[in-house]
């Protein structure tokens, strides 16, 4: 898959391009925040960044929404004297 990125204010929106047998272009934001642009096989390359820019506000909102529900992983700290399960 091809990749690209556009600027939206101070942030960069990276996206993957997926061409296939479809009738129109579609943007998808995964729960991991990955942006995928699904376009027809004959969709012009120059229009893809324009499409992403036109939907940038929505993309950022979707990424922020998913970020709220992503579990937070605390960094592991090993403290002297604590028990540690092994095998």
N, C-alpha and C. Protein backbone atom coordinates (compact mmCIF):
# COMPACT_ATOMS: atom_id res chain seq x y z
N UNK A 1 0.84 -1.19 0.00
CA UNK A 1 0.00 0.00 0.00
C UNK A 1 0.88 1.25 0.00
N UNK A 2 0.42 2.27 -0.68
CA UNK A 2 1.14 3.54 -0.72
C UNK A 2 0.81 4.36 0.52
N UNK A 3 1.70 5.28 0.84
CA UNK A 3 1.50 6.13 2.01
C UNK A 3 1.66 7.59 1.62
N UNK A 4 1.14 8.46 2.45
CA UNK A 4 1.31 9.88 2.25
C UNK A 4 1.03 10.60 3.54
N UNK A 5 1.21 11.92 3.53
CA UNK A 5 0.88 12.72 4.69
C UNK A 5 0.54 14.13 4.27
N UNK A 6 -0.32 14.76 5.07
CA UNK A 6 -0.69 16.16 4.85
C UNK A 6 -0.54 16.91 6.17
N UNK A 7 -0.35 18.22 6.07
CA UNK A 7 -0.24 19.06 7.26
C UNK A 7 -1.63 19.54 7.65
N UNK A 8 -1.90 19.53 8.95
CA UNK A 8 -3.15 20.09 9.48
C UNK A 8 -2.75 20.91 10.70
N UNK A 9 -2.59 22.20 10.51
CA UNK A 9 -2.07 23.04 11.57
C UNK A 9 -0.64 22.63 11.89
N UNK A 10 -0.39 22.39 13.15
CA UNK A 10 0.96 21.98 13.58
C UNK A 10 1.15 20.48 13.49
N UNK A 11 0.11 19.75 13.18
CA UNK A 11 0.24 18.30 13.18
C UNK A 11 0.28 17.74 11.77
N UNK A 12 0.81 16.53 11.64
CA UNK A 12 0.88 15.84 10.36
C UNK A 12 -0.08 14.66 10.42
N UNK A 13 -0.85 14.49 9.37
CA UNK A 13 -1.76 13.35 9.27
C UNK A 13 -1.17 12.39 8.25
N UNK A 14 -0.75 11.23 8.74
CA UNK A 14 -0.23 10.19 7.85
C UNK A 14 -1.38 9.28 7.46
N UNK A 15 -1.31 8.78 6.23
CA UNK A 15 -2.38 7.90 5.76
C UNK A 15 -1.82 6.84 4.82
N UNK A 16 -2.56 5.74 4.74
CA UNK A 16 -2.25 4.65 3.81
C UNK A 16 -3.30 4.68 2.71
N UNK A 17 -2.88 4.38 1.48
CA UNK A 17 -3.80 4.37 0.34
C UNK A 17 -4.09 2.93 -0.05
N UNK A 18 -5.37 2.62 -0.15
CA UNK A 18 -5.80 1.28 -0.52
C UNK A 18 -6.71 1.40 -1.73
N UNK A 19 -6.22 0.93 -2.88
CA UNK A 19 -7.03 0.97 -4.12
C UNK A 19 -7.76 -0.35 -4.30
N UNK A 20 -8.99 -0.26 -4.76
CA UNK A 20 -9.76 -1.48 -4.95
C UNK A 20 -10.98 -1.24 -5.84
N UNK A 21 -11.74 -2.29 -6.02
CA UNK A 21 -12.95 -2.21 -6.82
C UNK A 21 -14.05 -1.59 -5.97
N UNK A 22 -14.15 -0.28 -6.03
CA UNK A 22 -15.18 0.43 -5.29
C UNK A 22 -15.67 1.59 -6.14
N UNK A 23 -16.82 2.12 -5.81
CA UNK A 23 -17.40 3.18 -6.65
C UNK A 23 -16.98 4.58 -6.22
N UNK A 24 -16.60 4.76 -4.93
CA UNK A 24 -16.22 6.10 -4.49
C UNK A 24 -15.15 6.03 -3.41
N UNK A 25 -14.56 7.18 -3.13
CA UNK A 25 -13.50 7.27 -2.12
C UNK A 25 -14.10 7.25 -0.72
N UNK A 26 -13.33 6.71 0.22
CA UNK A 26 -13.80 6.61 1.60
C UNK A 26 -12.60 6.73 2.54
N UNK A 27 -12.77 7.43 3.64
CA UNK A 27 -11.74 7.54 4.66
C UNK A 27 -12.14 6.70 5.87
N UNK A 28 -11.18 5.99 6.44
CA UNK A 28 -11.43 5.15 7.61
C UNK A 28 -10.34 5.45 8.63
N UNK A 29 -10.75 5.67 9.89
CA UNK A 29 -9.79 5.82 10.99
C UNK A 29 -9.97 4.62 11.89
N UNK A 30 -8.89 3.84 12.08
CA UNK A 30 -8.97 2.64 12.91
C UNK A 30 -8.90 3.03 14.39
N UNK A 31 -9.30 2.14 15.28
CA UNK A 31 -9.19 2.42 16.72
C UNK A 31 -7.75 2.70 17.18
N UNK A 32 -6.77 2.31 16.37
CA UNK A 32 -5.37 2.59 16.71
C UNK A 32 -4.94 3.95 16.18
N UNK A 33 -5.85 4.67 15.50
CA UNK A 33 -5.55 5.99 14.99
C UNK A 33 -4.98 6.01 13.58
N UNK A 34 -4.88 4.85 12.94
CA UNK A 34 -4.34 4.76 11.59
C UNK A 34 -5.40 5.22 10.59
N UNK A 35 -5.00 6.09 9.67
CA UNK A 35 -5.91 6.63 8.66
C UNK A 35 -5.70 5.86 7.36
N UNK A 36 -6.79 5.34 6.81
CA UNK A 36 -6.74 4.62 5.54
C UNK A 36 -7.66 5.31 4.54
N UNK A 37 -7.13 5.56 3.35
CA UNK A 37 -7.91 6.17 2.27
C UNK A 37 -8.21 5.05 1.28
N UNK A 38 -9.47 4.69 1.18
CA UNK A 38 -9.90 3.64 0.24
C UNK A 38 -10.48 4.32 -0.99
N UNK A 39 -9.85 4.07 -2.13
CA UNK A 39 -10.26 4.75 -3.37
C UNK A 39 -10.42 3.75 -4.50
N UNK A 40 -11.21 4.13 -5.55
CA UNK A 40 -11.31 3.29 -6.73
C UNK A 40 -9.94 3.19 -7.43
N UNK A 41 -9.77 2.16 -8.23
CA UNK A 41 -8.52 1.92 -8.94
C UNK A 41 -8.12 3.11 -9.81
N UNK A 42 -9.10 3.76 -10.45
CA UNK A 42 -8.78 4.85 -11.38
C UNK A 42 -8.83 6.24 -10.73
N UNK A 43 -8.86 6.32 -9.40
CA UNK A 43 -8.92 7.61 -8.70
C UNK A 43 -7.59 8.33 -8.87
N UNK A 44 -7.59 9.61 -9.28
CA UNK A 44 -6.34 10.35 -9.53
C UNK A 44 -5.51 10.55 -8.25
N UNK A 45 -4.21 10.29 -8.35
CA UNK A 45 -3.31 10.43 -7.20
C UNK A 45 -3.33 11.84 -6.62
N UNK A 46 -3.42 12.85 -7.47
CA UNK A 46 -3.35 14.24 -6.99
C UNK A 46 -4.56 14.62 -6.14
N UNK A 47 -5.67 13.90 -6.27
CA UNK A 47 -6.87 14.24 -5.50
C UNK A 47 -6.85 13.65 -4.10
N UNK A 48 -5.99 12.68 -3.84
CA UNK A 48 -5.98 12.01 -2.54
C UNK A 48 -5.58 12.97 -1.41
N UNK A 49 -4.47 13.72 -1.53
CA UNK A 49 -4.15 14.68 -0.46
C UNK A 49 -5.25 15.72 -0.25
N UNK A 50 -5.89 16.16 -1.33
CA UNK A 50 -7.00 17.12 -1.22
C UNK A 50 -8.14 16.52 -0.39
N UNK A 51 -8.44 15.26 -0.65
CA UNK A 51 -9.50 14.56 0.08
C UNK A 51 -9.17 14.49 1.57
N UNK A 52 -7.94 14.12 1.89
CA UNK A 52 -7.53 14.01 3.29
C UNK A 52 -7.57 15.38 3.96
N UNK A 53 -7.08 16.42 3.28
CA UNK A 53 -7.11 17.77 3.85
C UNK A 53 -8.54 18.23 4.12
N UNK A 54 -9.44 17.93 3.20
CA UNK A 54 -10.82 18.37 3.36
C UNK A 54 -11.50 17.69 4.55
N UNK A 55 -10.99 16.54 4.95
CA UNK A 55 -11.59 15.78 6.07
C UNK A 55 -10.70 15.79 7.32
N UNK A 56 -9.67 16.66 7.33
CA UNK A 56 -8.70 16.68 8.43
C UNK A 56 -9.34 16.89 9.79
N UNK A 57 -10.28 17.80 9.89
CA UNK A 57 -10.93 18.08 11.16
C UNK A 57 -11.60 16.81 11.70
N UNK A 58 -12.33 16.11 10.84
CA UNK A 58 -13.00 14.87 11.23
C UNK A 58 -11.99 13.80 11.64
N UNK A 59 -10.89 13.68 10.89
CA UNK A 59 -9.87 12.68 11.19
C UNK A 59 -9.29 12.92 12.58
N UNK A 60 -8.94 14.17 12.89
CA UNK A 60 -8.37 14.50 14.19
C UNK A 60 -9.37 14.21 15.31
N UNK A 61 -10.64 14.51 15.09
CA UNK A 61 -11.67 14.21 16.09
C UNK A 61 -11.79 12.71 16.33
N UNK A 62 -11.74 11.93 15.25
CA UNK A 62 -11.82 10.47 15.39
C UNK A 62 -10.62 9.94 16.16
N UNK A 63 -9.42 10.43 15.83
CA UNK A 63 -8.22 9.97 16.53
C UNK A 63 -8.29 10.33 18.01
N UNK A 64 -8.77 11.52 18.34
CA UNK A 64 -8.91 11.94 19.74
C UNK A 64 -9.94 11.08 20.46
N UNK A 65 -11.04 10.75 19.78
CA UNK A 65 -12.08 9.90 20.37
C UNK A 65 -11.51 8.54 20.73
N UNK A 66 -10.81 7.90 19.80
CA UNK A 66 -10.24 6.58 20.06
C UNK A 66 -9.15 6.64 21.13
N UNK A 67 -8.40 7.73 21.16
CA UNK A 67 -7.32 7.89 22.15
C UNK A 67 -7.87 7.89 23.58
N UNK A 68 -9.07 8.45 23.76
CA UNK A 68 -9.68 8.48 25.10
C UNK A 68 -9.95 7.09 25.65
N UNK A 69 -10.21 6.14 24.77
CA UNK A 69 -10.58 4.80 25.21
C UNK A 69 -9.44 3.79 25.14
N UNK A 70 -8.28 4.24 24.67
CA UNK A 70 -7.13 3.35 24.59
C UNK A 70 -6.60 3.11 26.00
N UNK A 71 -6.37 1.85 26.38
CA UNK A 71 -5.88 1.59 27.73
C UNK A 71 -4.48 2.18 27.94
N UNK A 72 -4.29 2.74 29.09
CA UNK A 72 -2.99 3.32 29.44
C UNK A 72 -2.11 2.23 30.03
N UNK A 73 -0.91 2.11 29.50
CA UNK A 73 0.04 1.14 30.05
C UNK A 73 1.04 1.90 30.89
N UNK A 74 1.07 1.55 32.15
CA UNK A 74 2.03 2.19 33.04
C UNK A 74 3.39 1.53 32.86
N UNK A 75 4.45 2.30 32.92
CA UNK A 75 5.78 1.68 32.80
C UNK A 75 6.04 0.77 33.99
N UNK A 76 6.60 -0.40 33.70
CA UNK A 76 6.89 -1.37 34.76
C UNK A 76 8.08 -0.90 35.57
N UNK A 77 7.96 -1.00 36.88
CA UNK A 77 9.08 -0.69 37.77
C UNK A 77 9.31 -1.90 38.65
N UNK A 78 10.53 -2.29 38.75
CA UNK A 78 10.88 -3.42 39.60
C UNK A 78 11.50 -2.88 40.88
N UNK A 79 10.85 -3.19 41.99
CA UNK A 79 11.28 -2.67 43.28
C UNK A 79 11.97 -3.79 44.04
N UNK A 80 13.08 -3.46 44.66
CA UNK A 80 13.84 -4.43 45.44
C UNK A 80 12.95 -5.04 46.53
N UNK A 81 12.92 -6.35 46.60
CA UNK A 81 12.16 -7.04 47.63
C UNK A 81 10.77 -7.47 47.19
N UNK A 82 10.28 -7.01 46.05
CA UNK A 82 8.94 -7.43 45.64
C UNK A 82 8.99 -8.84 45.06
N UNK A 83 7.87 -9.55 45.15
CA UNK A 83 7.83 -10.90 44.59
C UNK A 83 7.57 -10.80 43.09
N UNK A 84 8.10 -11.75 42.37
CA UNK A 84 7.99 -11.75 40.91
C UNK A 84 7.66 -13.16 40.48
N UNK A 85 6.56 -13.33 39.77
CA UNK A 85 6.17 -14.67 39.30
C UNK A 85 7.11 -15.10 38.20
N UNK A 86 7.55 -16.32 38.28
CA UNK A 86 8.46 -16.87 37.29
C UNK A 86 8.00 -18.25 36.93
N UNK A 87 7.80 -18.52 35.65
CA UNK A 87 7.30 -19.79 35.13
C UNK A 87 6.00 -20.07 35.80
